[in-house]
Amino acid sequence: MVRTLLALALCAGWTLQGAASANAQPYPKKEPIKIVVPFPPGGPTDGMARIISEHLQTDLGQTIVIENRGGAGGGIGGKFVADSNPDGYTLLMTPGGALTTGPAVNPDIGYDPQKVFTPICQLIETPLIISVVPTLPAKSLAEVVAYAKANPGKLIWGNQGFGTAPHLLAEMFKLEAGINMLDVPYRGTGPLLNAVLAKQVQIIADPSTTSLPYIQAGNLRPIAIAGSEPDPALPNVPTVVQEGFPKLQAPFWLAVVAPAGTPHDVIDKLNHAFRDALAAPDTIKKLKALGTTPKIGTPEELGAMLAREYAQWKTVVQAAHIEMK
């Protein structure tokens, strides 16, 4: 009887020790790790998420699953991640729609990005390209303005969703140029570029990662780079600064965040894993082919950038009197 009790006690001790050892395993210890892209498949965020996740999966040693949750300019996917467990297994990879422009334009988005997310790192940055369809008789921003003033309300600017950076860029353009044009939102880049092919829109702002093939195919004519530096892929296209509209600088960036409360060691591990993934030569090569290069920093640097952008776009929203309908 004594031997039996002793054996049971030893077994119990080994079981508890094994459980404690399993719980002490460093992150990540289970799979999959879900990366939520708050836009439909086929857009720049989706494409780059899949490129980056290839090496991220190897670095972390766990399966990476890309989950598309489009809608509300990134707000639906943002809300999903904000409500997820802060354990490092559900992340949000997004441009400004879910983190800066969307919350700036929609006070009822369902979350405060500065409270519900923990920054991990910025990933890439590339300028938006302002392009028109070939049938529009305008080859510069000045000619777009002249056309819009001669045809008030007839110029159609398509964007990737209400509350996205291209949407607010259009509103800023209207303020700066004093023009009246129609701004039409779509559910992401894929649907927007389909609208370009269907000739439903006349002017868009989109990163080269997705619009360059349409430019090369002759479906879009680039007229300005929404930044201060020329795009190497389009060396003959002037910048908005050269065109006389310096306020229209709006880079397309991609960042990754986790739910607030995610442990610091997990954030640190993820930051290093994304750094390694973006440093891989084949990742750099694939991103360069899409017209972009990595731009990665610390969680603190991303947090500061998000705060600046939110304040900038909030000013535009108030000046343009933009309201959710």
Protein backbone atom coordinates (compact mmCIF):
# COMPACT_ATOMS: atom_id res chain seq x y z
CA MET A 1 0.00 0.00 0.00
CA VAL A 2 2.83 2.36 0.96
CA ARG A 3 4.66 1.52 -2.29
CA THR A 4 1.48 2.18 -4.30
CA LEU A 5 0.95 5.59 -2.71
CA LEU A 6 4.59 6.48 -3.26
CA ALA A 7 4.35 5.48 -6.91
CA LEU A 8 1.20 7.57 -7.36
CA ALA A 9 2.86 10.54 -5.71
CA LEU A 10 5.87 10.27 -7.99
CA CYS A 11 3.65 9.99 -11.07
CA ALA A 12 1.69 13.04 -9.97
CA GLY A 13 4.92 14.95 -9.45
CA TRP A 14 6.22 13.99 -12.88
CA THR A 15 2.87 15.00 -14.44
CA LEU A 16 2.89 18.39 -12.76
CA GLN A 17 6.54 18.91 -13.66
CA GLY A 18 5.79 18.02 -17.29
CA ALA A 19 2.83 20.42 -17.38
CA ALA A 20 4.90 23.20 -15.86
CA SER A 21 7.66 22.54 -18.38
CA ALA A 22 5.18 22.68 -21.26
CA ASN A 23 3.70 25.93 -19.97
CA ALA A 24 7.18 27.38 -19.64
CA GLN A 25 7.99 26.82 -23.31
CA PRO A 26 8.80 30.12 -25.01
CA TYR A 27 6.47 31.69 -27.58
CA PRO A 28 5.42 30.41 -30.01
CA LYS A 29 4.54 26.96 -28.71
CA LYS A 30 1.41 26.24 -30.74
CA GLU A 31 0.07 26.84 -34.21
CA PRO A 32 -1.21 28.44 -36.28
CA ILE A 33 -0.32 32.11 -35.93
CA LYS A 34 -3.08 34.04 -37.66
CA ILE A 35 -2.28 37.25 -39.57
CA VAL A 36 -5.45 39.16 -40.34
CA VAL A 37 -5.42 41.28 -43.50
CA PRO A 38 -8.39 43.69 -43.28
CA PHE A 39 -8.91 43.81 -47.04
CA PRO A 40 -10.04 41.31 -49.71
CA PRO A 41 -7.53 39.09 -51.54
CA GLY A 42 -5.73 40.58 -54.53
CA GLY A 43 -4.65 43.88 -52.98
CA PRO A 44 -1.18 45.09 -52.00
CA THR A 45 -1.58 44.22 -48.33
CA ASP A 46 -2.68 40.67 -49.09
CA GLY A 47 0.14 40.10 -51.58
CA MET A 48 2.88 41.41 -49.31
CA ALA A 49 1.49 39.56 -46.30
CA ARG A 50 1.91 36.29 -48.19
CA ILE A 51 5.45 37.15 -49.31
CA ILE A 52 6.57 38.13 -45.81
CA SER A 53 4.86 35.18 -44.12
CA GLU A 54 6.95 32.67 -46.08
CA HIS A 55 10.10 33.45 -44.09
CA LEU A 56 8.22 34.42 -40.95
CA GLN A 57 6.88 30.88 -40.80
CA THR A 58 10.42 29.49 -40.90
CA ASP A 59 11.77 31.95 -38.33
CA LEU A 60 8.98 31.27 -35.82
CA GLY A 61 8.75 27.54 -36.52
CA GLN A 62 4.95 27.63 -36.69
CA THR A 63 2.35 27.71 -39.44
CA ILE A 64 1.29 31.21 -40.52
CA VAL A 65 -2.28 31.59 -41.79
CA ILE A 66 -3.36 34.72 -43.70
CA GLU A 67 -7.01 35.51 -43.05
CA ASN A 68 -8.78 38.18 -45.12
CA ARG A 69 -11.47 40.14 -43.26
CA GLY A 70 -12.30 43.05 -45.56
CA GLY A 71 -14.80 45.84 -45.12
CA ALA A 72 -15.24 49.29 -43.56
CA GLY A 73 -11.89 50.48 -44.93
CA GLY A 74 -10.05 48.01 -42.69
CA GLY A 75 -12.29 48.49 -39.66
CA ILE A 76 -13.85 45.01 -39.68
CA GLY A 77 -10.52 43.22 -39.56
CA GLY A 78 -9.22 45.74 -37.05
CA LYS A 79 -12.15 45.13 -34.70
CA PHE A 80 -11.67 41.37 -34.96
CA VAL A 81 -8.03 41.58 -33.89
CA ALA A 82 -8.77 44.17 -31.20
CA ASP A 83 -11.19 41.69 -29.62
CA SER A 84 -8.79 38.72 -29.91
CA ASN A 85 -6.74 37.17 -27.10
CA PRO A 86 -3.48 39.07 -26.48
CA ASP A 87 -1.35 35.95 -26.78
CA GLY A 88 0.57 36.61 -30.00
CA TYR A 89 -1.43 34.17 -32.10
CA THR A 90 -3.69 36.76 -33.80
CA LEU A 91 -1.99 39.74 -35.46
CA LEU A 92 -3.14 42.57 -37.72
CA MET A 93 -1.13 43.47 -40.83
CA THR A 94 -2.53 46.64 -42.34
CA PRO A 95 -1.96 50.05 -43.90
CA GLY A 96 -3.58 53.09 -42.28
CA GLY A 97 -7.20 52.09 -42.86
CA ALA A 98 -7.50 50.17 -39.60
CA LEU A 99 -5.05 52.24 -37.54
CA THR A 100 -5.11 55.93 -38.54
CA THR A 101 -7.32 57.07 -41.42
CA GLY A 102 -10.26 54.79 -40.59
CA PRO A 103 -10.51 55.80 -36.93
CA ALA A 104 -9.93 59.45 -37.89
CA VAL A 105 -12.94 59.46 -40.20
CA ASN A 106 -15.20 57.06 -38.30
CA PRO A 107 -15.68 57.73 -34.58
CA ASP A 108 -17.97 54.68 -34.43
CA ILE A 109 -15.41 52.23 -35.84
CA GLY A 110 -15.72 50.26 -32.61
CA TYR A 111 -12.28 50.74 -31.08
CA ASP A 112 -9.61 53.29 -30.18
CA PRO A 113 -6.47 52.11 -32.04
CA GLN A 114 -4.13 53.75 -29.53
CA LYS A 115 -5.74 51.76 -26.71
CA VAL A 116 -6.60 48.37 -28.21
CA PHE A 117 -3.38 47.63 -30.15
CA THR A 118 0.26 47.12 -29.25
CA PRO A 119 2.68 48.14 -32.06
CA ILE A 120 5.11 45.51 -33.34
CA CYS A 121 6.79 47.21 -36.30
CA GLN A 122 6.39 48.99 -39.60
CA LEU A 123 7.17 46.72 -42.55
CA ILE A 124 7.37 48.66 -45.82
CA GLU A 125 6.73 52.12 -47.27
CA THR A 126 6.16 53.25 -50.83
CA PRO A 127 4.44 56.32 -52.30
CA LEU A 128 1.01 56.28 -53.83
CA ILE A 129 0.83 56.88 -57.58
CA ILE A 130 -1.92 59.20 -58.80
CA SER A 131 -3.11 57.87 -62.16
CA VAL A 132 -5.93 58.55 -64.60
CA VAL A 133 -7.61 56.39 -67.19
CA PRO A 134 -6.31 57.03 -70.74
CA THR A 135 -9.67 58.43 -71.88
CA LEU A 136 -9.43 61.34 -69.44
CA PRO A 137 -7.99 64.36 -71.31
CA ALA A 138 -5.52 65.24 -68.54
CA LYS A 139 -1.80 64.49 -68.32
CA SER A 140 -0.92 66.44 -65.16
CA LEU A 141 -2.50 67.46 -61.88
CA ALA A 142 -2.97 70.97 -63.27
CA GLU A 143 -4.91 69.56 -66.22
CA VAL A 144 -6.99 67.40 -63.83
CA VAL A 145 -7.88 70.54 -61.90
CA ALA A 146 -8.80 72.38 -65.10
CA TYR A 147 -10.98 69.47 -66.23
CA ALA A 148 -12.71 69.24 -62.84
CA LYS A 149 -13.45 72.97 -62.82
CA ALA A 150 -14.82 72.81 -66.35
CA ASN A 151 -16.91 69.74 -65.47
CA PRO A 152 -17.96 70.16 -61.82
CA GLY A 153 -19.11 66.94 -60.19
CA LYS A 154 -18.29 64.79 -63.22
CA LEU A 155 -14.74 63.67 -62.37
CA ILE A 156 -14.85 60.35 -60.47
CA TRP A 157 -12.04 59.49 -58.04
CA GLY A 158 -12.16 55.86 -56.98
CA ASN A 159 -10.66 54.75 -53.68
CA GLN A 160 -9.98 51.51 -51.78
CA GLY A 161 -12.58 52.16 -49.10
CA PHE A 162 -14.15 54.87 -46.99
CA GLY A 163 -11.56 56.05 -44.50
CA THR A 164 -8.49 54.79 -46.37
CA ALA A 165 -5.53 57.07 -47.10
CA PRO A 166 -6.42 57.40 -50.83
CA HIS A 167 -9.94 58.48 -49.82
CA LEU A 168 -8.62 61.21 -47.53
CA LEU A 169 -5.99 62.14 -50.12
CA ALA A 170 -8.83 62.84 -52.56
CA GLU A 171 -10.56 65.00 -49.95
CA MET A 172 -7.31 66.91 -49.40
CA PHE A 173 -6.94 67.36 -53.16
CA LYS A 174 -10.44 68.84 -53.37
CA LEU A 175 -9.60 71.27 -50.57
CA GLU A 176 -6.23 72.27 -52.03
CA ALA A 177 -7.45 72.66 -55.62
CA GLY A 178 -10.91 74.03 -54.86
CA ILE A 179 -12.63 71.50 -57.10
CA ASN A 180 -15.83 69.48 -56.99
CA MET A 181 -15.39 65.82 -57.87
CA LEU A 182 -17.11 62.58 -56.91
CA ASP A 183 -15.19 60.25 -54.56
CA VAL A 184 -16.38 56.63 -54.81
CA PRO A 185 -15.26 53.95 -52.29
CA TYR A 186 -14.71 50.28 -53.16
CA ARG A 187 -14.07 47.27 -50.92
CA GLY A 188 -10.31 47.18 -51.43
CA THR A 189 -7.74 47.50 -54.20
CA GLY A 190 -8.90 44.50 -56.22
CA PRO A 191 -12.47 45.80 -56.70
CA LEU A 192 -11.10 49.31 -57.37
CA LEU A 193 -8.81 48.10 -60.17
CA ASN A 194 -11.70 46.11 -61.65
CA ALA A 195 -13.60 49.42 -61.71
CA VAL A 196 -10.67 50.95 -63.61
CA LEU A 197 -10.95 48.22 -66.27
CA ALA A 198 -14.71 48.75 -66.42
CA LYS A 199 -14.13 52.51 -66.86
CA GLN A 200 -16.29 53.27 -63.81
CA VAL A 201 -13.67 55.64 -62.35
CA GLN A 202 -11.34 58.18 -63.94
CA ILE A 203 -8.66 58.86 -61.35
CA ILE A 204 -7.14 56.84 -58.50
CA ALA A 205 -4.23 56.85 -56.04
CA ASP A 206 -2.67 53.42 -55.56
CA PRO A 207 0.81 52.07 -54.73
CA SER A 208 2.99 50.75 -57.53
CA THR A 209 2.77 47.29 -55.96
CA THR A 210 -0.64 46.87 -57.59
CA SER A 211 -1.10 49.72 -60.07
CA LEU A 212 2.20 49.36 -61.96
CA PRO A 213 1.00 46.35 -64.03
CA TYR A 214 -2.08 48.38 -65.04
CA ILE A 215 0.17 51.30 -65.98
CA GLN A 216 2.43 49.04 -68.02
CA ALA A 217 -0.60 47.52 -69.76
CA GLY A 218 -1.88 50.97 -70.72
CA ASN A 219 -4.98 50.85 -68.52
CA LEU A 220 -3.75 53.74 -66.37
CA ARG A 221 -1.69 56.86 -67.09
CA PRO A 222 0.44 57.98 -64.11
CA ILE A 223 0.46 61.75 -63.60
CA ALA A 224 2.06 62.27 -60.17
CA ILE A 225 3.89 60.51 -57.35
CA ALA A 226 2.27 61.35 -53.99
CA GLY A 227 5.62 61.91 -52.29
CA SER A 228 8.73 64.08 -52.40
CA GLU A 229 10.94 61.61 -54.29
CA PRO A 230 10.45 60.16 -57.82
CA ASP A 231 9.54 56.51 -58.17
CA PRO A 232 12.47 54.57 -59.74
CA ALA A 233 9.97 52.51 -61.71
CA LEU A 234 8.45 55.70 -63.16
CA PRO A 235 11.36 58.16 -63.44
CA ASN A 236 9.53 60.50 -65.82
CA VAL A 237 6.49 60.98 -63.59
CA PRO A 238 6.73 64.17 -61.49
CA THR A 239 6.09 64.31 -57.75
CA VAL A 240 3.18 66.22 -56.22
CA VAL A 241 5.79 68.66 -54.90
CA GLN A 242 6.99 69.36 -58.45
CA GLU A 243 3.36 69.66 -59.54
CA GLY A 244 2.68 72.37 -56.97
CA PHE A 245 0.71 70.30 -54.45
CA PRO A 246 3.20 69.55 -51.63
CA LYS A 247 0.47 68.67 -49.12
CA LEU A 248 -0.58 65.66 -51.20
CA GLN A 249 2.26 63.50 -49.90
CA ALA A 250 0.80 60.22 -48.66
CA PRO A 251 3.03 57.14 -48.54
CA PHE A 252 1.51 53.69 -48.58
CA TRP A 253 2.90 51.83 -45.59
CA LEU A 254 2.29 48.49 -44.04
CA ALA A 255 2.55 47.74 -40.33
CA VAL A 256 1.79 44.91 -37.94
CA VAL A 257 0.19 45.20 -34.50
CA ALA A 258 -1.10 42.85 -31.82
CA PRO A 259 -3.98 43.17 -29.34
CA ALA A 260 -3.19 45.38 -26.36
CA GLY A 261 -1.86 43.39 -23.44
CA THR A 262 0.31 41.09 -25.54
CA PRO A 263 3.40 40.30 -23.41
CA HIS A 264 6.53 42.35 -24.08
CA ASP A 265 8.66 39.28 -24.73
CA VAL A 266 6.20 38.14 -27.41
CA ILE A 267 6.25 41.58 -29.08
CA ASP A 268 10.06 41.51 -28.99
CA LYS A 269 10.16 38.01 -30.51
CA LEU A 270 7.77 39.05 -33.29
CA ASN A 271 9.71 42.25 -34.02
CA HIS A 272 12.90 40.25 -34.49
CA ALA A 273 11.12 37.61 -36.58
CA PHE A 274 9.71 40.24 -38.95
CA ARG A 275 13.16 41.85 -39.21
CA ASP A 276 14.67 38.51 -40.19
CA ALA A 277 11.88 37.77 -42.67
CA LEU A 278 12.31 41.16 -44.39
CA ALA A 279 16.10 40.77 -44.49
CA ALA A 280 15.90 37.54 -46.51
CA PRO A 281 17.31 38.12 -50.04
CA ASP A 282 14.38 36.48 -51.81
CA THR A 283 11.89 38.56 -49.79
CA ILE A 284 13.75 41.74 -50.74
CA LYS A 285 13.79 40.62 -54.38
CA LYS A 286 10.04 39.92 -54.44
CA LEU A 287 9.19 43.21 -52.74
CA LYS A 288 11.47 45.14 -55.10
CA ALA A 289 9.65 43.56 -58.05
CA LEU A 290 6.47 45.04 -56.59
CA GLY A 291 8.06 48.48 -56.36
CA THR A 292 8.72 48.61 -52.63
CA THR A 293 11.48 47.97 -50.11
CA PRO A 294 11.42 47.08 -46.40
CA LYS A 295 11.27 49.81 -43.79
CA ILE A 296 11.30 48.31 -40.34
CA GLY A 297 11.91 49.80 -36.92
CA THR A 298 11.04 49.43 -33.26
CA PRO A 299 7.56 49.16 -31.70
CA GLU A 300 8.10 52.62 -30.21
CA GLU A 301 8.89 54.14 -33.62
CA LEU A 302 5.74 52.65 -35.09
CA GLY A 303 3.66 53.97 -32.20
CA ALA A 304 4.99 57.49 -32.74
CA MET A 305 4.33 57.31 -36.50
CA LEU A 306 0.75 56.13 -35.96
CA ALA A 307 0.08 59.01 -33.56
CA ARG A 308 1.42 61.57 -36.09
CA GLU A 309 -0.63 60.15 -38.96
CA TYR A 310 -3.82 60.00 -36.93
CA ALA A 311 -3.45 63.68 -35.99
CA GLN A 312 -2.72 64.64 -39.62
CA TRP A 313 -5.74 62.87 -41.08
CA LYS A 314 -8.03 64.02 -38.28
CA THR A 315 -7.26 67.58 -39.35
CA VAL A 316 -8.23 66.74 -42.96
CA VAL A 317 -11.45 65.06 -41.82
CA GLN A 318 -12.46 68.14 -39.83
CA ALA A 319 -11.52 70.58 -42.61
CA ALA A 320 -13.45 68.60 -45.24
CA HIS A 321 -16.40 67.97 -42.91
CA ILE A 322 -16.29 64.24 -43.63
CA GLU A 323 -18.93 62.24 -41.78
CA MET A 324 -20.05 58.63 -41.83
CA LYS A 325 -23.39 58.22 -43.60
